[in-house]
Amino acid sequence: THDKFDVKLLLMDLISRLISSHDLILLNFYPFLLKYMQPHQKEITKLLAILAQSCHDLVPPDTLEPVIQTLLNNFVSDRSRDEAQAIGLNTIREIVLRQPLVMTDVMMEDLGQYKKARDKGVSMAARSLIAVVREKNPHILHKKDRGKDTDLSVRPKGFGEVIVSNHVEGVDLLEQYEQKLRGDLNEAEAESEADEEGEADEEGEEEEEGEGEEEEEEEEGEEDEEGEEEEEGEGEEEEEEEEGEEDEEGEEE
């Protein structure tokens, strides 16, 4: 098209985002970007970011090999400036991070030598690339670059390989949560039962105390009644004695 370069850049960024978000396979997009892969190109860092963003594990490694070769020839070479070498190594690192199968042991052997570069940015970019390859595919590294604690059983998935899971991930965490929830419910039930038993015991003690008080009150009432009966009996005896004395006095008269 005859659009301005800024508009083309926006369109390439949009297409790259769509490819990355939906894992689209647009094989013609990568050769289209190759003509812009020059160190003196305007907005070259933005273009390299668009290139790295458009890569994913469903893109065939054969399609990305010309891209890597172009980066090696135009950026990561002895005749390139230090800034260009650092940018090229960082771009290759991002591509390898998304599609590990694009890197070979021969390429990695050449790129690993840049870790001894005098420029700090170039050496850091090379070491960062070695770290990514050590994580994704350590078998293509030289023995001295693998490290002591590297897990050699790690291998990248083959192109188009899909790992099918026969269970739902995270089910064990759900079971642990349910067990913990059941344990909390059981503890709560046990505490509630203990509280109910304690309340029942307190009510029983209160009832026993109330019955004891009622018995005491009944005994006191009976004692009072007996005392009243005794008093009434004594009063009747006194009246009878008085009447007997009056009868005797009447007889004497």
Protein backbone atom coordinates (compact mmCIF):
# COMPACT_ATOMS: atom_id res chain seq x y z
CA THR A 1 0.00 0.00 0.00
CA HIS A 2 0.94 3.65 -0.31
CA ASP A 3 0.15 4.47 3.32
CA LYS A 4 2.65 6.35 5.40
CA PHE A 5 5.15 4.36 7.44
CA ASP A 6 3.49 5.34 10.74
CA VAL A 7 0.18 3.90 9.54
CA LYS A 8 1.92 0.72 8.38
CA LEU A 9 3.57 0.45 11.78
CA LEU A 10 0.20 0.70 13.53
CA LEU A 11 -1.28 -1.95 11.22
CA MET A 12 1.67 -4.30 11.83
CA ASP A 13 1.29 -3.79 15.58
CA LEU A 14 -2.43 -4.59 15.37
CA ILE A 15 -1.84 -7.75 13.33
CA SER A 16 0.91 -8.84 15.71
CA ARG A 17 -1.36 -8.41 18.72
CA LEU A 18 -4.11 -10.42 17.04
CA ILE A 19 -1.65 -13.21 16.20
CA SER A 20 -0.38 -13.29 19.78
CA SER A 21 -3.78 -13.12 21.46
CA HIS A 22 -5.49 -15.80 19.32
CA ASP A 23 -2.49 -17.93 18.25
CA LEU A 24 -3.16 -17.16 14.60
CA ILE A 25 -0.94 -18.62 11.87
CA LEU A 26 -0.15 -15.99 9.22
CA LEU A 27 2.96 -17.34 7.52
CA ASN A 28 3.24 -14.42 5.08
CA PHE A 29 3.53 -11.90 7.92
CA TYR A 30 7.11 -12.86 8.84
CA PRO A 31 8.66 -12.53 5.33
CA PHE A 32 6.89 -9.17 5.08
CA LEU A 33 8.76 -7.97 8.19
CA LEU A 34 12.16 -9.10 6.90
CA LYS A 35 12.56 -6.11 4.56
CA TYR A 36 12.42 -3.81 7.61
CA MET A 37 15.03 -5.76 9.60
CA GLN A 38 17.92 -3.29 9.23
CA PRO A 39 19.76 -1.51 12.06
CA HIS A 40 19.31 1.90 10.38
CA GLN A 41 15.55 1.38 9.86
CA LYS A 42 13.27 3.96 11.42
CA GLU A 43 11.51 2.68 14.60
CA ILE A 44 13.58 -0.50 14.46
CA THR A 45 13.08 -1.30 18.16
CA LYS A 46 9.31 -1.08 17.69
CA LEU A 47 9.50 -3.35 14.64
CA LEU A 48 11.55 -5.94 16.52
CA ALA A 49 9.05 -5.85 19.37
CA ILE A 50 6.24 -6.45 16.85
CA LEU A 51 8.21 -9.37 15.41
CA ALA A 52 8.78 -11.00 18.80
CA GLN A 53 5.15 -10.42 19.81
CA SER A 54 3.84 -12.27 16.75
CA CYS A 55 5.71 -15.51 17.57
CA HIS A 56 4.10 -18.42 19.42
CA ASP A 57 4.56 -22.18 19.68
CA LEU A 58 2.19 -22.92 16.77
CA VAL A 59 4.32 -21.04 14.25
CA PRO A 60 6.43 -23.58 12.28
CA PRO A 61 10.15 -23.33 13.16
CA ASP A 62 10.98 -23.43 9.42
CA THR A 63 9.10 -20.16 9.01
CA LEU A 64 11.08 -18.46 11.78
CA GLU A 65 14.51 -19.73 10.72
CA PRO A 66 14.91 -17.03 8.00
CA VAL A 67 13.96 -14.44 10.62
CA ILE A 68 16.66 -15.66 13.02
CA GLN A 69 19.20 -15.82 10.18
CA THR A 70 18.39 -12.24 9.18
CA LEU A 71 18.86 -11.08 12.77
CA LEU A 72 22.20 -12.88 12.92
CA ASN A 73 23.43 -11.35 9.68
CA ASN A 74 22.21 -7.78 10.19
CA PHE A 75 22.43 -7.33 13.97
CA VAL A 76 24.42 -10.03 15.79
CA SER A 77 27.65 -9.98 13.81
CA ASP A 78 31.19 -8.74 14.32
CA ARG A 79 30.71 -5.78 11.96
CA SER A 80 27.60 -4.54 13.81
CA ARG A 81 27.69 -1.93 16.54
CA ASP A 82 27.34 -2.92 20.19
CA GLU A 83 23.83 -1.43 20.43
CA ALA A 84 22.68 -3.42 17.40
CA GLN A 85 24.17 -6.63 18.81
CA ALA A 86 22.38 -6.16 22.13
CA ILE A 87 19.06 -5.43 20.40
CA GLY A 88 19.45 -8.47 18.13
CA LEU A 89 20.30 -10.81 21.05
CA ASN A 90 17.33 -9.57 23.07
CA THR A 91 15.00 -10.08 20.09
CA ILE A 92 16.29 -13.63 19.54
CA ARG A 93 15.77 -14.31 23.24
CA GLU A 94 12.11 -13.24 23.07
CA ILE A 95 11.55 -15.39 19.97
CA VAL A 96 13.17 -18.44 21.60
CA LEU A 97 11.07 -17.85 24.70
CA ARG A 98 7.91 -18.22 22.59
CA GLN A 99 9.15 -20.90 20.16
CA PRO A 100 12.14 -22.84 21.59
CA LEU A 101 12.39 -25.15 18.58
CA VAL A 102 13.72 -22.36 16.36
CA MET A 103 17.13 -22.40 18.09
CA THR A 104 19.77 -25.01 17.13
CA ASP A 105 22.92 -26.09 18.93
CA VAL A 106 25.13 -24.57 16.19
CA MET A 107 23.44 -21.15 16.51
CA MET A 108 23.61 -21.35 20.28
CA GLU A 109 27.30 -22.15 20.25
CA ASP A 110 28.01 -19.01 18.22
CA LEU A 111 25.70 -16.78 20.25
CA GLY A 112 27.06 -18.08 23.56
CA GLN A 113 30.46 -16.54 22.77
CA TYR A 114 28.99 -13.04 23.09
CA LYS A 115 28.82 -13.45 26.86
CA LYS A 116 32.53 -12.55 26.86
CA ALA A 117 31.97 -9.33 24.92
CA ARG A 118 33.55 -6.16 26.25
CA ASP A 119 30.31 -4.20 26.07
CA LYS A 120 28.23 -4.84 29.18
CA GLY A 121 24.90 -4.64 27.33
CA VAL A 122 25.96 -7.28 24.81
CA SER A 123 27.32 -9.64 27.48
CA MET A 124 24.17 -9.27 29.61
CA ALA A 125 21.94 -9.94 26.58
CA ALA A 126 23.94 -13.08 25.73
CA ARG A 127 23.77 -14.36 29.33
CA SER A 128 20.03 -13.69 29.38
CA LEU A 129 19.63 -15.72 26.17
CA ILE A 130 21.65 -18.59 27.68
CA ALA A 131 19.40 -18.53 30.78
CA VAL A 132 16.25 -18.81 28.64
CA VAL A 133 17.69 -21.69 26.60
CA ARG A 134 18.81 -23.40 29.82
CA GLU A 135 15.22 -23.23 31.02
CA LYS A 136 13.53 -24.27 27.77
CA ASN A 137 15.97 -26.64 26.03
CA PRO A 138 19.26 -27.16 27.92
CA HIS A 139 20.44 -29.97 25.58
CA ILE A 140 21.55 -27.54 22.86
CA LEU A 141 23.84 -25.67 25.26
CA HIS A 142 27.52 -26.31 25.68
CA LYS A 143 28.36 -28.25 28.84
CA LYS A 144 29.98 -25.27 30.53
CA ASP A 145 26.82 -23.18 29.89
CA ARG A 146 24.36 -25.70 31.30
CA GLY A 147 25.24 -25.17 34.95
CA LYS A 148 25.33 -27.67 37.78
CA ASP A 149 21.68 -27.56 38.86
CA THR A 150 20.18 -27.73 35.35
CA ASP A 151 17.44 -30.31 34.89
CA LEU A 152 18.44 -32.19 31.72
CA SER A 153 15.06 -33.95 31.58
CA VAL A 154 13.44 -30.69 30.43
CA ARG A 155 12.64 -30.77 26.72
CA PRO A 156 10.45 -28.48 24.63
CA LYS A 157 7.25 -29.86 23.18
CA GLY A 158 7.42 -31.04 19.61
CA PHE A 159 5.83 -28.86 16.98
CA GLY A 160 2.07 -29.38 17.16
CA GLU A 161 2.35 -31.52 20.27
CA VAL A 162 -0.46 -31.07 22.75
CA ILE A 163 -0.36 -32.33 26.31
CA VAL A 164 -3.79 -33.74 27.12
CA SER A 165 -4.67 -33.84 30.79
CA ASN A 166 -6.74 -36.74 32.13
CA HIS A 167 -7.86 -34.82 35.18
CA VAL A 168 -8.89 -31.34 36.16
CA GLU A 169 -6.00 -29.32 37.50
CA GLY A 170 -6.59 -27.98 40.98
CA VAL A 171 -8.98 -30.72 42.08
CA ASP A 172 -6.61 -31.73 44.87
CA LEU A 173 -6.73 -28.17 46.20
CA LEU A 174 -10.53 -28.28 46.15
CA GLU A 175 -10.50 -31.58 48.07
CA GLN A 176 -8.13 -30.13 50.65
CA TYR A 177 -10.41 -27.13 51.04
CA GLU A 178 -13.47 -29.36 51.46
CA GLN A 179 -11.68 -31.48 54.07
CA LYS A 180 -10.67 -28.37 55.95
CA LEU A 181 -14.23 -27.08 55.73
CA ARG A 182 -15.58 -30.38 57.08
CA GLY A 183 -13.06 -30.25 59.93
CA ASP A 184 -14.14 -26.71 60.80
CA LEU A 185 -17.80 -27.78 60.75
CA ASN A 186 -17.08 -30.76 63.00
CA GLU A 187 -15.21 -28.55 65.44
CA ALA A 188 -18.07 -26.07 65.43
CA GLU A 189 -20.60 -28.86 66.07
CA ALA A 190 -18.48 -30.27 68.89
CA GLU A 191 -18.21 -26.83 70.47
CA SER A 192 -21.96 -26.26 70.15
CA GLU A 193 -22.67 -29.67 71.74
CA ALA A 194 -20.27 -28.90 74.57
CA ASP A 195 -21.99 -25.55 75.10
CA GLU A 196 -25.42 -27.22 75.13
CA GLU A 197 -24.22 -29.82 77.65
CA GLY A 198 -22.79 -27.07 79.83
CA GLU A 199 -26.06 -25.14 79.68
CA ALA A 200 -28.01 -28.32 80.51
CA ASP A 201 -25.75 -28.98 83.51
CA GLU A 202 -26.22 -25.42 84.73
CA GLU A 203 -29.99 -25.73 84.34
CA GLY A 204 -29.93 -29.04 86.25
CA GLU A 205 -27.95 -27.47 89.07
CA GLU A 206 -30.35 -24.53 89.19
CA GLU A 207 -33.34 -26.94 89.30
CA GLU A 208 -31.71 -28.92 92.11
CA GLU A 209 -31.05 -25.72 94.02
CA GLY A 210 -34.67 -24.65 93.45
CA GLU A 211 -35.98 -28.03 94.66
CA GLY A 212 -33.75 -27.82 97.76
CA GLU A 213 -35.10 -24.35 98.54
CA GLU A 214 -38.69 -25.57 98.06
CA GLU A 215 -38.07 -28.51 100.41
CA GLU A 216 -36.60 -26.18 103.01
CA GLU A 217 -39.57 -23.87 102.65
CA GLU A 218 -41.96 -26.82 103.02
CA GLU A 219 -40.13 -28.04 106.12
CA GLU A 220 -40.23 -24.56 107.60
CA GLY A 221 -43.96 -24.35 106.76
CA GLU A 222 -44.60 -27.71 108.45
CA GLU A 223 -42.64 -26.62 111.52
CA ASP A 224 -44.66 -23.41 111.67
CA GLU A 225 -47.91 -25.37 111.37
CA GLU A 226 -46.83 -27.76 114.14
CA GLY A 227 -45.91 -24.78 116.34
CA GLU A 228 -49.29 -23.21 115.72
CA GLU A 229 -51.05 -26.49 116.54
CA GLU A 230 -49.07 -26.80 119.76
CA GLU A 231 -49.92 -23.26 120.71
CA GLU A 232 -53.60 -23.91 119.96
CA GLY A 233 -53.50 -27.10 122.07
CA GLU A 234 -51.88 -25.27 124.99
CA GLY A 235 -54.51 -22.54 124.73
CA GLU A 236 -57.32 -25.10 124.82
CA GLU A 237 -55.74 -26.81 127.86
CA GLU A 238 -55.48 -23.50 129.69
CA GLU A 239 -59.12 -22.73 128.88
CA GLU A 240 -60.18 -26.15 130.15
CA GLU A 241 -58.18 -25.65 133.34
CA GLU A 242 -59.77 -22.25 133.88
CA GLU A 243 -63.22 -23.69 133.30
CA GLY A 244 -62.45 -26.55 135.74
CA GLU A 245 -61.32 -24.06 138.38
CA GLU A 246 -64.44 -21.99 137.89
CA ASP A 247 -66.60 -25.12 138.25
CA GLU A 248 -64.79 -26.05 141.48
CA GLU A 249 -65.26 -22.57 142.91
CA GLY A 250 -68.96 -22.75 142.03
CA GLU A 251 -69.32 -25.99 143.80
CA GLU A 252 -67.54 -24.69 146.89
CA GLU A 253 -69.86 -21.73 146.99
